[in-house]
Amino acid sequence: MQSIKELLNKIKWDKSLDPKDFTIIYDDKGVKKEVAYSDIKQIEGRFMLLDGVEIPVYRVVEIREKGKTIFKR
Protein backbone atom coordinates (compact mmCIF):
# COMPACT_ATOMS: atom_id res chain seq x y z
CA MET A 1 0.00 0.00 0.00
CA GLN A 2 1.27 3.47 -0.88
CA SER A 3 1.83 6.10 1.75
CA ILE A 4 -0.22 9.28 1.55
CA LYS A 5 2.83 11.27 0.46
CA GLU A 6 3.63 8.76 -2.30
CA LEU A 7 0.06 8.96 -3.57
CA LEU A 8 0.06 12.78 -3.50
CA ASN A 9 3.33 12.82 -5.45
CA LYS A 10 2.00 10.26 -7.94
CA ILE A 11 -1.00 12.51 -8.63
CA LYS A 12 1.39 15.40 -9.23
CA TRP A 13 3.91 13.63 -11.47
CA ASP A 14 2.02 10.82 -13.25
CA LYS A 15 1.13 12.23 -16.68
CA SER A 16 -1.79 9.77 -17.01
CA LEU A 17 -3.54 11.42 -14.03
CA ASP A 18 -5.22 14.84 -14.04
CA PRO A 19 -4.74 16.60 -10.67
CA LYS A 20 -8.03 18.47 -11.28
CA ASP A 21 -9.88 15.15 -10.81
CA PHE A 22 -8.74 14.76 -7.19
CA THR A 23 -10.11 15.98 -3.88
CA ILE A 24 -8.21 15.76 -0.60
CA ILE A 25 -10.13 15.43 2.68
CA TYR A 26 -8.20 16.20 5.84
CA ASP A 27 -8.95 16.46 9.54
CA ASP A 28 -8.58 19.95 10.97
CA LYS A 29 -8.92 19.47 14.74
CA GLY A 30 -11.97 17.24 14.45
CA VAL A 31 -13.52 18.98 11.44
CA LYS A 32 -13.19 17.31 8.05
CA LYS A 33 -12.27 19.77 5.31
CA GLU A 34 -12.10 19.26 1.55
CA VAL A 35 -9.60 20.86 -0.77
CA ALA A 36 -9.09 20.40 -4.49
CA TYR A 37 -5.71 18.86 -5.26
CA SER A 38 -5.06 21.77 -7.61
CA ASP A 39 -5.19 24.12 -4.58
CA ILE A 40 -2.09 22.48 -3.12
CA LYS A 41 0.81 24.80 -3.90
CA GLN A 42 3.58 22.43 -2.81
CA ILE A 43 4.25 19.20 -0.96
CA GLU A 44 7.30 19.77 1.18
CA GLY A 45 8.61 17.25 3.68
CA ARG A 46 5.61 16.11 5.70
CA PHE A 47 3.41 19.09 4.82
CA MET A 48 1.05 20.25 2.06
CA LEU A 49 1.20 23.99 1.50
CA LEU A 50 -2.09 25.79 0.74
CA ASP A 51 -1.80 29.55 0.30
CA GLY A 52 0.61 29.91 3.21
CA VAL A 53 -1.12 27.31 5.41
CA GLU A 54 0.83 24.15 6.24
CA ILE A 55 -1.23 20.97 6.60
CA PRO A 56 0.57 17.86 7.86
CA VAL A 57 0.06 14.98 5.42
CA TYR A 58 -0.81 12.68 8.34
CA ARG A 59 -4.08 14.63 8.66
CA VAL A 60 -5.23 13.44 5.22
CA VAL A 61 -8.07 10.98 5.85
CA GLU A 62 -9.39 10.46 2.33
CA ILE A 63 -8.49 11.04 -1.31
CA ARG A 64 -11.14 10.98 -4.03
CA GLU A 65 -10.78 10.79 -7.80
CA LYS A 66 -13.84 12.11 -9.65
CA GLY A 67 -15.87 11.61 -6.46
CA LYS A 68 -14.78 7.98 -5.96
CA THR A 69 -12.72 7.19 -2.86
CA ILE A 70 -9.29 5.81 -3.78
CA PHE A 71 -7.71 6.16 -0.32
CA LYS A 72 -9.31 6.16 3.10
CA ARG A 73 -7.69 6.01 6.50
PDB file of N, CA and C in Angstrom:
ATOM      1  N   MET A   1       0.840  -1.186   0.000  1.00  0.00           N
ATOM      2  CA  MET A   1       0.000   0.000   0.000  1.00  0.00           C
ATOM      3  C   MET A   1       0.880   1.242   0.000  1.00  0.00           C
ATOM      4  N   GLN A   2       0.518   2.223  -0.799  1.00  0.00           N
ATOM      5  CA  GLN A   2       1.266   3.467  -0.884  1.00  0.00           C
ATOM      6  C   GLN A   2       1.012   4.346   0.331  1.00  0.00           C
ATOM      7  N   SER A   3       2.035   5.105   0.700  1.00  0.00           N
ATOM      8  CA  SER A   3       1.826   6.096   1.751  1.00  0.00           C
ATOM      9  C   SER A   3       1.057   7.269   1.150  1.00  0.00           C
ATOM     10  N   ILE A   4       0.524   8.110   2.009  1.00  0.00           N
ATOM     11  CA  ILE A   4      -0.218   9.280   1.546  1.00  0.00           C
ATOM     12  C   ILE A   4       0.695  10.178   0.714  1.00  0.00           C
ATOM     13  N   LYS A   5       1.903  10.395   1.189  1.00  0.00           N
ATOM     14  CA  LYS A   5       2.828  11.269   0.464  1.00  0.00           C
ATOM     15  C   LYS A   5       3.154  10.691  -0.911  1.00  0.00           C
ATOM     16  N   GLU A   6       3.365   9.384  -1.000  1.00  0.00           N
ATOM     17  CA  GLU A   6       3.631   8.757  -2.304  1.00  0.00           C
ATOM     18  C   GLU A   6       2.458   8.951  -3.254  1.00  0.00           C
ATOM     19  N   LEU A   7       1.244   8.793  -2.741  1.00  0.00           N
ATOM     20  CA  LEU A   7       0.061   8.963  -3.574  1.00  0.00           C
ATOM     21  C   LEU A   7      -0.093  10.416  -4.028  1.00  0.00           C
ATOM     22  N   LEU A   8       0.140  11.366  -3.140  1.00  0.00           N
ATOM     23  CA  LEU A   8       0.061  12.778  -3.502  1.00  0.00           C
ATOM     24  C   LEU A   8       1.094  13.120  -4.586  1.00  0.00           C
ATOM     25  N   ASN A   9       2.304  12.578  -4.448  1.00  0.00           N
ATOM     26  CA  ASN A   9       3.335  12.823  -5.449  1.00  0.00           C
ATOM     27  C   ASN A   9       2.999  12.139  -6.773  1.00  0.00           C
ATOM     28  N   LYS A  10       2.402  10.958  -6.711  1.00  0.00           N
ATOM     29  CA  LYS A  10       2.003  10.263  -7.942  1.00  0.00           C
ATOM     30  C   LYS A  10       0.974  11.102  -8.707  1.00  0.00           C
ATOM     31  N   ILE A  11       0.012  11.661  -7.983  1.00  0.00           N
ATOM     32  CA  ILE A  11      -1.000  12.509  -8.625  1.00  0.00           C
ATOM     33  C   ILE A  11      -0.325  13.694  -9.318  1.00  0.00           C
ATOM     34  N   LYS A  12       0.691  14.235  -8.685  1.00  0.00           N
ATOM     35  CA  LYS A  12       1.387  15.399  -9.235  1.00  0.00           C
ATOM     36  C   LYS A  12       2.214  15.047 -10.474  1.00  0.00           C
ATOM     37  N   TRP A  13       2.923  13.925 -10.438  1.00  0.00           N
ATOM     38  CA  TRP A  13       3.911  13.632 -11.472  1.00  0.00           C
ATOM     39  C   TRP A  13       3.464  12.641 -12.542  1.00  0.00           C
ATOM     40  N   ASP A  14       2.460  11.830 -12.276  1.00  0.00           N
ATOM     41  CA  ASP A  14       2.017  10.824 -13.254  1.00  0.00           C
ATOM     42  C   ASP A  14       1.212  11.520 -14.352  1.00  0.00           C
ATOM     43  N   LYS A  15       1.758  11.520 -15.556  1.00  0.00           N
ATOM     44  CA  LYS A  15       1.129  12.231 -16.678  1.00  0.00           C
ATOM     45  C   LYS A  15      -0.214  11.634 -17.083  1.00  0.00           C
ATOM     46  N   SER A  16      -0.498  10.395 -16.665  1.00  0.00           N
ATOM     47  CA  SER A  16      -1.785   9.775 -17.006  1.00  0.00           C
ATOM     48  C   SER A  16      -2.904  10.217 -16.062  1.00  0.00           C
ATOM     49  N   LEU A  17      -2.550  10.940 -14.997  1.00  0.00           N
ATOM     50  CA  LEU A  17      -3.538  11.424 -14.027  1.00  0.00           C
ATOM     51  C   LEU A  17      -3.706  12.938 -14.166  1.00  0.00           C
ATOM     52  N   ASP A  18      -4.939  13.410 -14.007  1.00  0.00           N
ATOM     53  CA  ASP A  18      -5.219  14.840 -14.038  1.00  0.00           C
ATOM     54  C   ASP A  18      -5.473  15.320 -12.609  1.00  0.00           C
ATOM     55  N   PRO A  19      -4.569  16.120 -12.042  1.00  0.00           N
ATOM     56  CA  PRO A  19      -4.744  16.598 -10.668  1.00  0.00           C
ATOM     57  C   PRO A  19      -6.096  17.260 -10.404  1.00  0.00           C
ATOM     58  N   LYS A  20      -6.731  17.822 -11.453  1.00  0.00           N
ATOM     59  CA  LYS A  20      -8.030  18.472 -11.280  1.00  0.00           C
ATOM     60  C   LYS A  20      -9.129  17.483 -10.925  1.00  0.00           C
ATOM     61  N   ASP A  21      -8.881  16.186 -11.117  1.00  0.00           N
ATOM     62  CA  ASP A  21      -9.876  15.155 -10.808  1.00  0.00           C
ATOM     63  C   ASP A  21      -9.862  14.733  -9.342  1.00  0.00           C
ATOM     64  N   PHE A  22      -8.930  15.252  -8.553  1.00  0.00           N
ATOM     65  CA  PHE A  22      -8.736  14.760  -7.191  1.00  0.00           C
ATOM     66  C   PHE A  22      -9.153  15.762  -6.123  1.00  0.00           C
ATOM     67  N   THR A  23      -9.716  15.217  -5.060  1.00  0.00           N
ATOM     68  CA  THR A  23     -10.110  15.984  -3.879  1.00  0.00           C
ATOM     69  C   THR A  23      -9.437  15.356  -2.669  1.00  0.00           C
ATOM     70  N   ILE A  24      -8.884  16.196  -1.816  1.00  0.00           N
ATOM     71  CA  ILE A  24      -8.214  15.757  -0.599  1.00  0.00           C
ATOM     72  C   ILE A  24      -9.096  16.136   0.581  1.00  0.00           C
ATOM     73  N   ILE A  25      -9.361  15.168   1.459  1.00  0.00           N
ATOM     74  CA  ILE A  25     -10.132  15.432   2.676  1.00  0.00           C
ATOM     75  C   ILE A  25      -9.170  15.260   3.852  1.00  0.00           C
ATOM     76  N   TYR A  26      -9.102  16.286   4.687  1.00  0.00           N
ATOM     77  CA  TYR A  26      -8.200  16.201   5.839  1.00  0.00           C
ATOM     78  C   TYR A  26      -8.934  16.609   7.111  1.00  0.00           C
ATOM     79  N   ASP A  27      -8.382  16.175   8.231  1.00  0.00           N
ATOM     80  CA  ASP A  27      -8.953  16.456   9.541  1.00  0.00           C
ATOM     81  C   ASP A  27      -8.281  17.707  10.103  1.00  0.00           C
ATOM     82  N   ASP A  28      -9.077  18.714  10.382  1.00  0.00           N
ATOM     83  CA  ASP A  28      -8.577  19.950  10.971  1.00  0.00           C
ATOM     84  C   ASP A  28      -9.169  20.079  12.370  1.00  0.00           C
ATOM     85  N   LYS A  29      -8.497  19.440  13.322  1.00  0.00           N
ATOM     86  CA  LYS A  29      -8.915  19.467  14.736  1.00  0.00           C
ATOM     87  C   LYS A  29     -10.352  18.996  14.909  1.00  0.00           C
ATOM     88  N   GLY A  30     -10.655  17.844  14.298  1.00  0.00           N
ATOM     89  CA  GLY A  30     -11.967  17.240  14.454  1.00  0.00           C
ATOM     90  C   GLY A  30     -12.976  17.617  13.386  1.00  0.00           C
ATOM     91  N   VAL A  31     -12.636  18.555  12.523  1.00  0.00           N
ATOM     92  CA  VAL A  31     -13.521  18.984  11.440  1.00  0.00           C
ATOM     93  C   VAL A  31     -12.912  18.530  10.111  1.00  0.00           C
ATOM     94  N   LYS A  32     -13.688  17.756   9.348  1.00  0.00           N
ATOM     95  CA  LYS A  32     -13.187  17.314   8.047  1.00  0.00           C
ATOM     96  C   LYS A  32     -13.353  18.436   7.033  1.00  0.00           C
ATOM     97  N   LYS A  33     -12.265  18.722   6.323  1.00  0.00           N
ATOM     98  CA  LYS A  33     -12.275  19.772   5.311  1.00  0.00           C
ATOM     99  C   LYS A  33     -11.841  19.178   3.978  1.00  0.00           C
ATOM    100  N   GLU A  34     -12.428  19.705   2.900  1.00  0.00           N
ATOM    101  CA  GLU A  34     -12.098  19.260   1.554  1.00  0.00           C
ATOM    102  C   GLU A  34     -11.338  20.352   0.830  1.00  0.00           C
ATOM    103  N   VAL A  35     -10.367  19.918   0.041  1.00  0.00           N
ATOM    104  CA  VAL A  35      -9.605  20.856  -0.774  1.00  0.00           C
ATOM    105  C   VAL A  35      -9.320  20.175  -2.116  1.00  0.00           C
ATOM    106  N   ALA A  36      -9.423  20.935  -3.174  1.00  0.00           N
ATOM    107  CA  ALA A  36      -9.086  20.402  -4.489  1.00  0.00           C
ATOM    108  C   ALA A  36      -7.574  20.201  -4.548  1.00  0.00           C
ATOM    109  N   TYR A  37      -7.154  19.108  -5.156  1.00  0.00           N
ATOM    110  CA  TYR A  37      -5.715  18.860  -5.255  1.00  0.00           C
ATOM    111  C   TYR A  37      -5.022  20.043  -5.924  1.00  0.00           C
ATOM    112  N   SER A  38      -5.658  20.652  -6.890  1.00  0.00           N
ATOM    113  CA  SER A  38      -5.057  21.770  -7.615  1.00  0.00           C
ATOM    114  C   SER A  38      -4.809  22.993  -6.719  1.00  0.00           C
ATOM    115  N   ASP A  39      -5.420  23.030  -5.527  1.00  0.00           N
ATOM    116  CA  ASP A  39      -5.192  24.121  -4.581  1.00  0.00           C
ATOM    117  C   ASP A  39      -3.909  23.935  -3.774  1.00  0.00           C
ATOM    118  N   ILE A  40      -3.337  22.741  -3.840  1.00  0.00           N
ATOM    119  CA  ILE A  40      -2.089  22.476  -3.123  1.00  0.00           C
ATOM    120  C   ILE A  40      -0.960  23.147  -3.892  1.00  0.00           C
ATOM    121  N   LYS A  41      -0.275  24.059  -3.246  1.00  0.00           N
ATOM    122  CA  LYS A  41       0.808  24.801  -3.895  1.00  0.00           C
ATOM    123  C   LYS A  41       2.089  23.979  -3.950  1.00  0.00           C
ATOM    124  N   GLN A  42       2.329  23.186  -2.885  1.00  0.00           N
ATOM    125  CA  GLN A  42       3.577  22.433  -2.807  1.00  0.00           C
ATOM    126  C   GLN A  42       3.429  21.340  -1.763  1.00  0.00           C
ATOM    127  N   ILE A  43       4.145  20.249  -1.977  1.00  0.00           N
ATOM    128  CA  ILE A  43       4.255  19.198  -0.961  1.00  0.00           C
ATOM    129  C   ILE A  43       5.713  19.205  -0.548  1.00  0.00           C
ATOM    130  N   GLU A  44       5.941  19.572   0.697  1.00  0.00           N
ATOM    131  CA  GLU A  44       7.299  19.767   1.179  1.00  0.00           C
ATOM    132  C   GLU A  44       7.487  19.006   2.488  1.00  0.00           C
ATOM    133  N   GLY A  45       8.396  18.054   2.479  1.00  0.00           N
ATOM    134  CA  GLY A  45       8.609  17.251   3.677  1.00  0.00           C
ATOM    135  C   GLY A  45       7.337  16.525   4.053  1.00  0.00           C
ATOM    136  N   ARG A  46       6.838  16.767   5.231  1.00  0.00           N
ATOM    137  CA  ARG A  46       5.609  16.114   5.700  1.00  0.00           C
ATOM    138  C   ARG A  46       4.406  17.056   5.682  1.00  0.00           C
ATOM    139  N   PHE A  47       4.476  18.099   4.855  1.00  0.00           N
ATOM    140  CA  PHE A  47       3.406  19.091   4.818  1.00  0.00           C
ATOM    141  C   PHE A  47       2.927  19.372   3.397  1.00  0.00           C
ATOM    142  N   MET A  48       1.629  19.703   3.287  1.00  0.00           N
ATOM    143  CA  MET A  48       1.055  20.247   2.064  1.00  0.00           C
ATOM    144  C   MET A  48       0.923  21.745   2.318  1.00  0.00           C
ATOM    145  N   LEU A  49       1.304  22.548   1.351  1.00  0.00           N
ATOM    146  CA  LEU A  49       1.196  23.995   1.504  1.00  0.00           C
ATOM    147  C   LEU A  49       0.026  24.513   0.686  1.00  0.00           C
ATOM    148  N   LEU A  50      -0.894  25.206   1.365  1.00  0.00           N
ATOM    149  CA  LEU A  50      -2.087  25.785   0.736  1.00  0.00           C
ATOM    150  C   LEU A  50      -2.111  27.271   1.049  1.00  0.00           C
ATOM    151  N   ASP A  51      -1.765  28.095   0.100  1.00  0.00           N
ATOM    152  CA  ASP A  51      -1.798  29.554   0.300  1.00  0.00           C
ATOM    153  C   ASP A  51      -1.241  29.969   1.654  1.00  0.00           C
ATOM    154  N   GLY A  52      -0.045  29.521   1.968  1.00  0.00           N
ATOM    155  CA  GLY A  52       0.607  29.914   3.209  1.00  0.00           C
ATOM    156  C   GLY A  52       0.235  29.079   4.429  1.00  0.00           C
ATOM    157  N   VAL A  53      -0.711  28.176   4.297  1.00  0.00           N
ATOM    158  CA  VAL A  53      -1.123  27.308   5.406  1.00  0.00           C
ATOM    159  C   VAL A  53      -0.458  25.949   5.231  1.00  0.00           C
ATOM    160  N   GLU A  54       0.195  25.471   6.283  1.00  0.00           N
ATOM    161  CA  GLU A  54       0.831  24.155   6.243  1.00  0.00           C
ATOM    162  C   GLU A  54      -0.101  23.121   6.856  1.00  0.00           C
ATOM    163  N   ILE A  55      -0.388  22.055   6.104  1.00  0.00           N
ATOM    164  CA  ILE A  55      -1.234  20.971   6.598  1.00  0.00           C
ATOM    165  C   ILE A  55      -0.374  19.712   6.638  1.00  0.00           C
ATOM    166  N   PRO A  56      -0.202  19.106   7.804  1.00  0.00           N
ATOM    167  CA  PRO A  56       0.568  17.861   7.862  1.00  0.00           C
ATOM    168  C   PRO A  56      -0.120  16.766   7.040  1.00  0.00           C
ATOM    169  N   VAL A  57       0.661  16.014   6.253  1.00  0.00           N
ATOM    170  CA  VAL A  57       0.055  14.980   5.416  1.00  0.00           C
ATOM    171  C   VAL A  57      -0.597  13.878   6.248  1.00  0.00           C
ATOM    172  N   TYR A  58      -0.173  13.709   7.515  1.00  0.00           N
ATOM    173  CA  TYR A  58      -0.805  12.680   8.343  1.00  0.00           C
ATOM    174  C   TYR A  58      -2.268  13.010   8.653  1.00  0.00           C
ATOM    175  N   ARG A  59      -2.680  14.258   8.425  1.00  0.00           N
ATOM    176  CA  ARG A  59      -4.077  14.634   8.661  1.00  0.00           C
ATOM    177  C   ARG A  59      -5.002  14.277   7.505  1.00  0.00           C
ATOM    178  N   VAL A  60      -4.417  13.858   6.360  1.00  0.00           N
ATOM    179  CA  VAL A  60      -5.235  13.441   5.222  1.00  0.00           C
ATOM    180  C   VAL A  60      -5.957  12.151   5.603  1.00  0.00           C
ATOM    181  N   VAL A  61      -7.281  12.157   5.494  1.00  0.00           N
ATOM    182  CA  VAL A  61      -8.073  10.984   5.855  1.00  0.00           C
ATOM    183  C   VAL A  61      -8.706  10.311   4.641  1.00  0.00           C
ATOM    184  N   GLU A  62      -8.761  11.035   3.519  1.00  0.00           N
ATOM    185  CA  GLU A  62      -9.386  10.457   2.330  1.00  0.00           C
ATOM    186  C   GLU A  62      -8.914  11.203   1.082  1.00  0.00           C
ATOM    187  N   ILE A  63      -8.784  10.447  -0.013  1.00  0.00           N
ATOM    188  CA  ILE A  63      -8.492  11.037  -1.313  1.00  0.00           C
ATOM    189  C   ILE A  63      -9.511  10.480  -2.289  1.00  0.00           C
ATOM    190  N   ARG A  64     -10.124  11.391  -3.054  1.00  0.00           N
ATOM    191  CA  ARG A  64     -11.138  10.984  -4.030  1.00  0.00           C
ATOM    192  C   ARG A  64     -10.699  11.383  -5.431  1.00  0.00           C
ATOM    193  N   GLU A  65     -10.999  10.502  -6.388  1.00  0.00           N
ATOM    194  CA  GLU A  65     -10.780  10.786  -7.796  1.00  0.00           C
ATOM    195  C   GLU A  65     -12.138  10.792  -8.475  1.00  0.00           C
ATOM    196  N   LYS A  66     -12.523  11.940  -9.015  1.00  0.00           N
ATOM    197  CA  LYS A  66     -13.838  12.113  -9.653  1.00  0.00           C
ATOM    198  C   LYS A  66     -14.965  11.645  -8.729  1.00  0.00           C
ATOM    199  N   GLY A  67     -14.837  11.947  -7.431  1.00  0.00           N
ATOM    200  CA  GLY A  67     -15.868  11.605  -6.457  1.00  0.00           C
ATOM    201  C   GLY A  67     -15.773  10.206  -5.878  1.00  0.00           C
ATOM    202  N   LYS A  68     -14.928   9.352  -6.442  1.00  0.00           N
ATOM    203  CA  LYS A  68     -14.785   7.978  -5.958  1.00  0.00           C
ATOM    204  C   LYS A  68     -13.579   7.893  -5.018  1.00  0.00           C
ATOM    205  N   THR A  69     -13.783   7.309  -3.839  1.00  0.00           N
ATOM    206  CA  THR A  69     -12.720   7.188  -2.858  1.00  0.00           C
ATOM    207  C   THR A  69     -11.658   6.209  -3.351  1.00  0.00           C
ATOM    208  N   ILE A  70     -10.404   6.687  -3.393  1.00  0.00           N
ATOM    209  CA  ILE A  70      -9.292   5.811  -3.781  1.00  0.00           C
ATOM    210  C   ILE A  70      -8.346   5.561  -2.609  1.00  0.00           C
ATOM    211  N   PHE A  71      -8.486   6.358  -1.546  1.00  0.00           N
ATOM    212  CA  PHE A  71      -7.706   6.164  -0.323  1.00  0.00           C
ATOM    213  C   PHE A  71      -8.569   6.605   0.849  1.00  0.00           C
ATOM    214  N   LYS A  72      -8.574   5.791   1.882  1.00  0.00           N
ATOM    215  CA  LYS A  72      -9.306   6.165   3.100  1.00  0.00           C
ATOM    216  C   LYS A  72      -8.564   5.591   4.280  1.00  0.00           C
ATOM    217  N   ARG A  73      -8.371   6.429   5.282  1.00  0.00           N
ATOM    218  CA  ARG A  73      -7.690   6.008   6.495  1.00  0.00           C
ATOM    219  C   ARG A  73      -8.730   5.600   7.501  1.00  0.00           C
TER     220      ARG A  73
END
